[in-house]
Amino acid sequence: MLNTALTSGDTRVRLLAPPGVYRPQADTRLLADALSDEELGPATEVLEIGTGTGALALYAAGAGARVTAVDVSWPAVIAARFNALRRGTPLTVLHGDFAGRTRGRRFDLVLANPPYVPSPRARLPSRGAARAWDAGPDGREVIDRICARAPALLRPGGILLMVQSGMCGTATTLEHLGREGLTAEVAARAVVPWGPVLRSRRAWLLSRGLTDGDELEELVVVRARRA
């Protein structure tokens, strides 16, 4: 399946989005809007955690940045590499866990659209499409890892842009990043209707007190800066 990419400037490109690879959605667009407010250029080194189709990585690379993208899903890595090749945009796409694949490296900007949907299953899925959204009972399994790792990933003055659901605790993310020594704030917000995953978990989410049942989700982009 092909989806329209989010790209810098006026150029639009069709992206390969095979089954099981997270396609650009409202959270991707919100993160792209926040990214458009950041300075990007040939001297900017960017890391994207959980690249999916590579849409945001291509956005940053299209603005001239040097971009490394990481994903635990082989289908996503293949899709992102194909999309970069098809676009003719230099992009390094690595397979594996972001912490291991970036050890010893620091970046000017880190982008993250991690799994953040609360799930009745305590263990994270090891395969399949749900890897892109299931994040444990509180939705924070991957978010907390990124918060803890952020100081080691960022150069002085470096920026983290991470999108998440308000359902999994925006204030908790801000507090966690603050404890790690970063200055954090909410850079963007949007309210969107629930998708099929949240609708299928409505009763469970109500039982956990994670929703009042209105079937609207607040998305936020958290912006954190290392001093």
C-alpha atoms as a PDB file:
ATOM      1  CA  MET A   1       0.000   0.000   0.000  1.00  0.00           C
ATOM      2  CA  LEU A   2       1.179   3.530  -0.756  1.00  0.00           C
ATOM      3  CA  ASN A   3       0.503   6.552   1.431  1.00  0.00           C
ATOM      4  CA  THR A   4       1.250  10.225   0.867  1.00  0.00           C
ATOM      5  CA  ALA A   5       4.376  11.250   2.735  1.00  0.00           C
ATOM      6  CA  LEU A   6       4.944  14.227   4.963  1.00  0.00           C
ATOM      7  CA  THR A   7       7.853  16.064   3.358  1.00  0.00           C
ATOM      8  CA  SER A   8       9.573  19.397   3.814  1.00  0.00           C
ATOM      9  CA  GLY A   9       8.858  22.086   1.258  1.00  0.00           C
ATOM     10  CA  ASP A  10       6.192  21.608  -1.400  1.00  0.00           C
ATOM     11  CA  THR A  11       7.355  18.248  -2.716  1.00  0.00           C
ATOM     12  CA  ARG A  12       5.156  15.282  -1.900  1.00  0.00           C
ATOM     13  CA  VAL A  13       6.097  11.690  -2.447  1.00  0.00           C
ATOM     14  CA  ARG A  14       4.227   8.430  -2.207  1.00  0.00           C
ATOM     15  CA  LEU A  15       5.493   6.100   0.482  1.00  0.00           C
ATOM     16  CA  LEU A  16       5.500   2.333   0.582  1.00  0.00           C
ATOM     17  CA  ALA A  17       3.501   1.247   3.645  1.00  0.00           C
ATOM     18  CA  PRO A  18       3.253  -2.565   3.597  1.00  0.00           C
ATOM     19  CA  PRO A  19       0.982  -4.487   5.993  1.00  0.00           C
ATOM     20  CA  GLY A  20       2.313  -4.415   9.538  1.00  0.00           C
ATOM     21  CA  VAL A  21       4.170  -1.093   9.108  1.00  0.00           C
ATOM     22  CA  TYR A  22       2.726   1.943  10.880  1.00  0.00           C
ATOM     23  CA  ARG A  23       1.403   4.424   8.339  1.00  0.00           C
ATOM     24  CA  PRO A  24       1.534   8.232   8.849  1.00  0.00           C
ATOM     25  CA  GLN A  25      -1.481   9.288  10.891  1.00  0.00           C
ATOM     26  CA  ALA A  26      -2.606  12.213  13.073  1.00  0.00           C
ATOM     27  CA  ASP A  27       0.275  11.740  15.526  1.00  0.00           C
ATOM     28  CA  THR A  28       2.786  11.750  12.662  1.00  0.00           C
ATOM     29  CA  ARG A  29       1.334  14.975  11.297  1.00  0.00           C
ATOM     30  CA  LEU A  30       1.368  16.632  14.726  1.00  0.00           C
ATOM     31  CA  LEU A  31       5.020  15.681  15.199  1.00  0.00           C
ATOM     32  CA  ALA A  32       5.832  16.949  11.699  1.00  0.00           C
ATOM     33  CA  ASP A  33       4.229  20.298  12.555  1.00  0.00           C
ATOM     34  CA  ALA A  34       6.407  20.558  15.666  1.00  0.00           C
ATOM     35  CA  LEU A  35       9.465  19.540  13.662  1.00  0.00           C
ATOM     36  CA  SER A  36       8.803  22.327  11.162  1.00  0.00           C
ATOM     37  CA  ASP A  37       9.476  24.860  13.937  1.00  0.00           C
ATOM     38  CA  GLU A  38      13.003  23.514  14.535  1.00  0.00           C
ATOM     39  CA  GLU A  39      16.152  24.610  12.711  1.00  0.00           C
ATOM     40  CA  LEU A  40      17.353  21.908  10.341  1.00  0.00           C
ATOM     41  CA  GLY A  41      20.330  21.990   8.022  1.00  0.00           C
ATOM     42  CA  PRO A  42      23.492  20.176   6.922  1.00  0.00           C
ATOM     43  CA  ALA A  43      25.043  20.606  10.375  1.00  0.00           C
ATOM     44  CA  THR A  44      22.054  19.043  12.141  1.00  0.00           C
ATOM     45  CA  GLU A  45      22.276  15.381  13.130  1.00  0.00           C
ATOM     46  CA  VAL A  46      18.875  13.813  13.683  1.00  0.00           C
ATOM     47  CA  LEU A  47      17.800  10.484  15.157  1.00  0.00           C
ATOM     48  CA  GLU A  48      14.318   9.088  14.635  1.00  0.00           C
ATOM     49  CA  ILE A  49      13.221   6.340  17.014  1.00  0.00           C
ATOM     50  CA  GLY A  50      10.601   4.036  15.498  1.00  0.00           C
ATOM     51  CA  THR A  51      10.691   5.290  11.939  1.00  0.00           C
ATOM     52  CA  GLY A  52       7.923   3.156  10.411  1.00  0.00           C
ATOM     53  CA  THR A  53       7.669   4.181   6.757  1.00  0.00           C
ATOM     54  CA  GLY A  54      10.402   6.790   7.276  1.00  0.00           C
ATOM     55  CA  ALA A  55       8.014   9.719   6.732  1.00  0.00           C
ATOM     56  CA  LEU A  56       9.445  11.964   9.456  1.00  0.00           C
ATOM     57  CA  ALA A  57      13.031  10.947   8.771  1.00  0.00           C
ATOM     58  CA  LEU A  58      12.519  11.897   5.116  1.00  0.00           C
ATOM     59  CA  TYR A  59      10.962  15.194   6.211  1.00  0.00           C
ATOM     60  CA  ALA A  60      14.072  16.057   8.220  1.00  0.00           C
ATOM     61  CA  ALA A  61      16.456  14.800   5.534  1.00  0.00           C
ATOM     62  CA  GLY A  62      14.563  16.823   2.929  1.00  0.00           C
ATOM     63  CA  ALA A  63      15.385  19.928   4.967  1.00  0.00           C
ATOM     64  CA  GLY A  64      19.078  19.054   4.693  1.00  0.00           C
ATOM     65  CA  ALA A  65      19.668  17.313   8.021  1.00  0.00           C
ATOM     66  CA  ARG A  66      21.789  14.176   8.390  1.00  0.00           C
ATOM     67  CA  VAL A  67      19.342  11.557   9.621  1.00  0.00           C
ATOM     68  CA  THR A  68      19.636   8.152  11.255  1.00  0.00           C
ATOM     69  CA  ALA A  69      16.401   6.206  11.676  1.00  0.00           C
ATOM     70  CA  VAL A  70      15.944   3.107  13.851  1.00  0.00           C
ATOM     71  CA  ASP A  71      13.137   0.563  14.080  1.00  0.00           C
ATOM     72  CA  VAL A  72      12.768  -2.847  15.746  1.00  0.00           C
ATOM     73  CA  SER A  73      10.620  -4.067  12.841  1.00  0.00           C
ATOM     74  CA  TRP A  74      12.375  -5.489   9.784  1.00  0.00           C
ATOM     75  CA  PRO A  75       9.389  -4.690   7.523  1.00  0.00           C
ATOM     76  CA  ALA A  76       9.580  -1.058   8.675  1.00  0.00           C
ATOM     77  CA  VAL A  77      13.334  -0.911   8.064  1.00  0.00           C
ATOM     78  CA  ILE A  78      12.906  -2.317   4.559  1.00  0.00           C
ATOM     79  CA  ALA A  79      10.040   0.082   3.827  1.00  0.00           C
ATOM     80  CA  ALA A  80      11.976   3.121   5.073  1.00  0.00           C
ATOM     81  CA  ARG A  81      15.077   2.148   3.075  1.00  0.00           C
ATOM     82  CA  PHE A  82      12.970   1.652  -0.046  1.00  0.00           C
ATOM     83  CA  ASN A  83      11.213   4.984   0.454  1.00  0.00           C
ATOM     84  CA  ALA A  84      14.509   6.808   0.918  1.00  0.00           C
ATOM     85  CA  LEU A  85      15.924   5.177  -2.219  1.00  0.00           C
ATOM     86  CA  ARG A  86      12.793   5.995  -4.198  1.00  0.00           C
ATOM     87  CA  ARG A  87      12.895   9.582  -2.986  1.00  0.00           C
ATOM     88  CA  GLY A  88      16.604   9.879  -3.687  1.00  0.00           C
ATOM     89  CA  THR A  89      17.182  11.141  -0.146  1.00  0.00           C
ATOM     90  CA  PRO A  90      20.244  10.105   1.901  1.00  0.00           C
ATOM     91  CA  LEU A  91      18.979   8.273   4.974  1.00  0.00           C
ATOM     92  CA  THR A  92      20.605   5.737   7.285  1.00  0.00           C
ATOM     93  CA  VAL A  93      18.067   3.176   8.511  1.00  0.00           C
ATOM     94  CA  LEU A  94      19.121   0.714  11.217  1.00  0.00           C
ATOM     95  CA  HIS A  95      17.348  -2.366  12.548  1.00  0.00           C
ATOM     96  CA  GLY A  96      17.180  -2.969  16.282  1.00  0.00           C
ATOM     97  CA  ASP A  97      16.622  -1.352  19.645  1.00  0.00           C
ATOM     98  CA  PHE A  98      17.385   2.358  19.591  1.00  0.00           C
ATOM     99  CA  ALA A  99      19.539   2.285  22.729  1.00  0.00           C
ATOM    100  CA  GLY A 100      21.849  -0.422  21.425  1.00  0.00           C
ATOM    101  CA  ARG A 101      22.087   0.880  17.867  1.00  0.00           C
ATOM    102  CA  THR A 102      22.998   4.428  18.959  1.00  0.00           C
ATOM    103  CA  ARG A 103      25.298   3.681  21.869  1.00  0.00           C
ATOM    104  CA  GLY A 104      28.080   6.255  22.092  1.00  0.00           C
ATOM    105  CA  ARG A 105      26.432   8.652  19.621  1.00  0.00           C
ATOM    106  CA  ARG A 106      24.798  12.015  20.330  1.00  0.00           C
ATOM    107  CA  PHE A 107      22.390  14.011  18.217  1.00  0.00           C
ATOM    108  CA  ASP A 108      21.155  17.569  17.833  1.00  0.00           C
ATOM    109  CA  LEU A 109      17.547  16.432  17.507  1.00  0.00           C
ATOM    110  CA  VAL A 110      15.768  13.220  18.471  1.00  0.00           C
ATOM    111  CA  LEU A 111      12.316  12.419  17.073  1.00  0.00           C
ATOM    112  CA  ALA A 112      10.130   9.740  18.607  1.00  0.00           C
ATOM    113  CA  ASN A 113       6.664   8.421  17.857  1.00  0.00           C
ATOM    114  CA  PRO A 114       6.851   5.456  20.221  1.00  0.00           C
ATOM    115  CA  PRO A 115       4.194   2.887  21.052  1.00  0.00           C
ATOM    116  CA  TYR A 116       1.924   4.572  23.624  1.00  0.00           C
ATOM    117  CA  VAL A 117      -1.444   2.790  23.578  1.00  0.00           C
ATOM    118  CA  PRO A 118      -2.328   1.185  26.939  1.00  0.00           C
ATOM    119  CA  SER A 119      -2.740  -2.553  26.533  1.00  0.00           C
ATOM    120  CA  PRO A 120      -4.264  -5.295  28.703  1.00  0.00           C
ATOM    121  CA  ARG A 121      -1.154  -7.343  27.926  1.00  0.00           C
ATOM    122  CA  ALA A 122       1.754  -6.671  30.263  1.00  0.00           C
ATOM    123  CA  ARG A 123       4.390  -7.904  27.805  1.00  0.00           C
ATOM    124  CA  LEU A 124       5.166  -5.930  24.676  1.00  0.00           C
ATOM    125  CA  PRO A 125       4.455  -7.810  21.441  1.00  0.00           C
ATOM    126  CA  SER A 126       7.539  -9.180  19.707  1.00  0.00           C
ATOM    127  CA  ARG A 127       6.057  -9.223  16.208  1.00  0.00           C
ATOM    128  CA  GLY A 128       3.134  -7.984  14.174  1.00  0.00           C
ATOM    129  CA  ALA A 129       1.520  -4.614  13.666  1.00  0.00           C
ATOM    130  CA  ALA A 130       0.759  -4.171  17.382  1.00  0.00           C
ATOM    131  CA  ARG A 131       4.464  -3.555  18.035  1.00  0.00           C
ATOM    132  CA  ALA A 132       3.857  -0.051  16.698  1.00  0.00           C
ATOM    133  CA  TRP A 133       1.269   0.859  19.341  1.00  0.00           C
ATOM    134  CA  ASP A 134       0.991  -1.553  22.308  1.00  0.00           C
ATOM    135  CA  ALA A 135       2.943  -0.188  25.294  1.00  0.00           C
ATOM    136  CA  GLY A 136       1.916  -2.066  28.412  1.00  0.00           C
ATOM    137  CA  PRO A 137      -0.945  -1.398  30.870  1.00  0.00           C
ATOM    138  CA  ASP A 138      -0.091   2.289  31.366  1.00  0.00           C
ATOM    139  CA  GLY A 139       1.202   2.939  27.835  1.00  0.00           C
ATOM    140  CA  ARG A 140       4.599   4.017  29.131  1.00  0.00           C
ATOM    141  CA  GLU A 141       6.929   1.064  28.531  1.00  0.00           C
ATOM    142  CA  VAL A 142       8.797   2.722  25.652  1.00  0.00           C
ATOM    143  CA  ILE A 143       8.153   6.360  26.619  1.00  0.00           C
ATOM    144  CA  ASP A 144       9.931   5.861  29.958  1.00  0.00           C
ATOM    145  CA  ARG A 145      12.916   4.238  28.247  1.00  0.00           C
ATOM    146  CA  ILE A 146      13.242   7.196  25.881  1.00  0.00           C
ATOM    147  CA  CYS A 147      12.985   9.677  28.771  1.00  0.00           C
ATOM    148  CA  ALA A 148      15.718   7.848  30.690  1.00  0.00           C
ATOM    149  CA  ARG A 149      17.978   7.602  27.642  1.00  0.00           C
ATOM    150  CA  ALA A 150      17.440  11.150  26.349  1.00  0.00           C
ATOM    151  CA  PRO A 151      20.380  12.809  28.165  1.00  0.00           C
ATOM    152  CA  ALA A 152      22.788  10.265  26.648  1.00  0.00           C
ATOM    153  CA  LEU A 153      21.342  10.758  23.155  1.00  0.00           C
ATOM    154  CA  LEU A 154      21.398  14.561  23.071  1.00  0.00           C
ATOM    155  CA  ARG A 155      24.283  16.936  22.601  1.00  0.00           C
ATOM    156  CA  PRO A 156      24.318  20.063  24.796  1.00  0.00           C
ATOM    157  CA  GLY A 157      21.437  22.198  23.571  1.00  0.00           C
ATOM    158  CA  GLY A 158      19.899  19.179  21.814  1.00  0.00           C
ATOM    159  CA  ILE A 159      16.153  18.751  21.449  1.00  0.00           C
ATOM    160  CA  LEU A 160      13.828  15.773  21.947  1.00  0.00           C
ATOM    161  CA  LEU A 161      10.446  15.871  20.192  1.00  0.00           C
ATOM    162  CA  MET A 162       8.182  13.014  21.241  1.00  0.00           C
ATOM    163  CA  VAL A 163       4.501  12.485  20.523  1.00  0.00           C
ATOM    164  CA  GLN A 164       2.247  10.554  22.886  1.00  0.00           C
ATOM    165  CA  SER A 165      -1.333  10.191  24.053  1.00  0.00           C
ATOM    166  CA  GLY A 166      -2.522  12.217  27.000  1.00  0.00           C
ATOM    167  CA  MET A 167      -4.044   8.932  28.165  1.00  0.00           C
ATOM    168  CA  CYS A 168      -0.626   7.688  29.261  1.00  0.00           C
ATOM    169  CA  GLY A 169       0.302  10.736  31.331  1.00  0.00           C
ATOM    170  CA  THR A 170       1.658  13.936  29.835  1.00  0.00           C
ATOM    171  CA  ALA A 171       2.562  15.315  33.270  1.00  0.00           C
ATOM    172  CA  THR A 172       4.409  12.084  34.071  1.00  0.00           C
ATOM    173  CA  THR A 173       6.540  12.485  30.958  1.00  0.00           C
ATOM    174  CA  LEU A 174       7.371  16.103  31.778  1.00  0.00           C
ATOM    175  CA  GLU A 175       8.319  15.136  35.327  1.00  0.00           C
ATOM    176  CA  HIS A 176      10.471  12.213  34.163  1.00  0.00           C
ATOM    177  CA  LEU A 177      12.372  14.382  31.699  1.00  0.00           C
ATOM    178  CA  GLY A 178      12.815  17.040  34.376  1.00  0.00           C
ATOM    179  CA  ARG A 179      14.361  14.470  36.720  1.00  0.00           C
ATOM    180  CA  GLU A 180      16.795  13.600  33.930  1.00  0.00           C
ATOM    181  CA  GLY A 181      17.919  17.234  33.818  1.00  0.00           C
ATOM    182  CA  LEU A 182      16.025  18.316  30.691  1.00  0.00           C
ATOM    183  CA  THR A 183      13.727  21.313  30.363  1.00  0.00           C
ATOM    184  CA  ALA A 184      10.448  19.968  29.020  1.00  0.00           C
ATOM    185  CA  GLU A 185       7.160  21.450  27.838  1.00  0.00           C
ATOM    186  CA  VAL A 186       4.186  20.597  25.639  1.00  0.00           C
ATOM    187  CA  ALA A 187       4.890  22.013  22.177  1.00  0.00           C
ATOM    188  CA  ALA A 188       1.679  20.962  20.397  1.00  0.00           C
ATOM    189  CA  ARG A 189      -1.712  19.425  21.122  1.00  0.00           C
ATOM    190  CA  ALA A 190      -4.542  17.925  19.075  1.00  0.00           C
ATOM    191  CA  VAL A 191      -7.754  16.075  19.871  1.00  0.00           C
ATOM    192  CA  VAL A 192      -8.661  13.233  17.508  1.00  0.00           C
ATOM    193  CA  PRO A 193     -11.368  10.544  17.406  1.00  0.00           C
ATOM    194  CA  TRP A 194     -10.436   7.094  18.615  1.00  0.00           C
ATOM    195  CA  GLY A 195      -9.186   4.628  16.082  1.00  0.00           C
ATOM    196  CA  PRO A 196     -10.136   0.943  15.942  1.00  0.00           C
ATOM    197  CA  VAL A 197      -7.548  -0.167  18.532  1.00  0.00           C
ATOM    198  CA  LEU A 198      -8.846   2.124  21.278  1.00  0.00           C
ATOM    199  CA  ARG A 199     -12.472   1.374  20.375  1.00  0.00           C
ATOM    200  CA  SER A 200     -11.803  -2.347  20.738  1.00  0.00           C
ATOM    201  CA  ARG A 201     -10.479  -1.695  24.290  1.00  0.00           C
ATOM    202  CA  ARG A 202     -13.207   0.685  25.433  1.00  0.00           C
ATOM    203  CA  ALA A 203     -14.478  -1.466  28.306  1.00  0.00           C
ATOM    204  CA  TRP A 204     -10.959  -2.175  29.580  1.00  0.00           C
ATOM    205  CA  LEU A 205      -9.930   1.504  29.356  1.00  0.00           C
ATOM    206  CA  LEU A 206     -13.059   2.501  31.292  1.00  0.00           C
ATOM    207  CA  SER A 207     -12.305  -0.100  33.968  1.00  0.00           C
ATOM    208  CA  ARG A 208      -8.794   1.330  34.341  1.00  0.00           C
ATOM    209  CA  GLY A 209     -10.054   4.907  34.573  1.00  0.00           C
ATOM    210  CA  LEU A 210      -8.062   5.873  31.487  1.00  0.00           C
ATOM    211  CA  THR A 211     -11.060   7.375  29.704  1.00  0.00           C
ATOM    212  CA  ASP A 212     -14.450   8.827  30.490  1.00  0.00           C
ATOM    213  CA  GLY A 213     -15.855   7.108  27.426  1.00  0.00           C
ATOM    214  CA  ASP A 214     -16.095  10.121  25.093  1.00  0.00           C
ATOM    215  CA  GLU A 215     -13.930   8.325  22.489  1.00  0.00           C
ATOM    216  CA  LEU A 216     -11.701  11.346  21.913  1.00  0.00           C
ATOM    217  CA  GLU A 217      -7.942  11.197  22.401  1.00  0.00           C
ATOM    218  CA  GLU A 218      -5.618  14.079  23.158  1.00  0.00           C
ATOM    219  CA  LEU A 219      -2.273  13.836  21.380  1.00  0.00           C
ATOM    220  CA  VAL A 220       0.648  15.931  22.596  1.00  0.00           C
ATOM    221  CA  VAL A 221       4.155  16.631  21.391  1.00  0.00           C
ATOM    222  CA  VAL A 222       6.595  16.974  24.276  1.00  0.00           C
ATOM    223  CA  ARG A 223       9.646  19.129  23.554  1.00  0.00           C
ATOM    224  CA  ALA A 224      12.620  18.680  25.869  1.00  0.00           C
ATOM    225  CA  ARG A 225      15.978  20.472  25.724  1.00  0.00           C
ATOM    226  CA  ARG A 226      19.272  19.400  27.212  1.00  0.00           C
ATOM    227  CA  ALA A 227      21.181  22.287  28.798  1.00  0.00           C
END
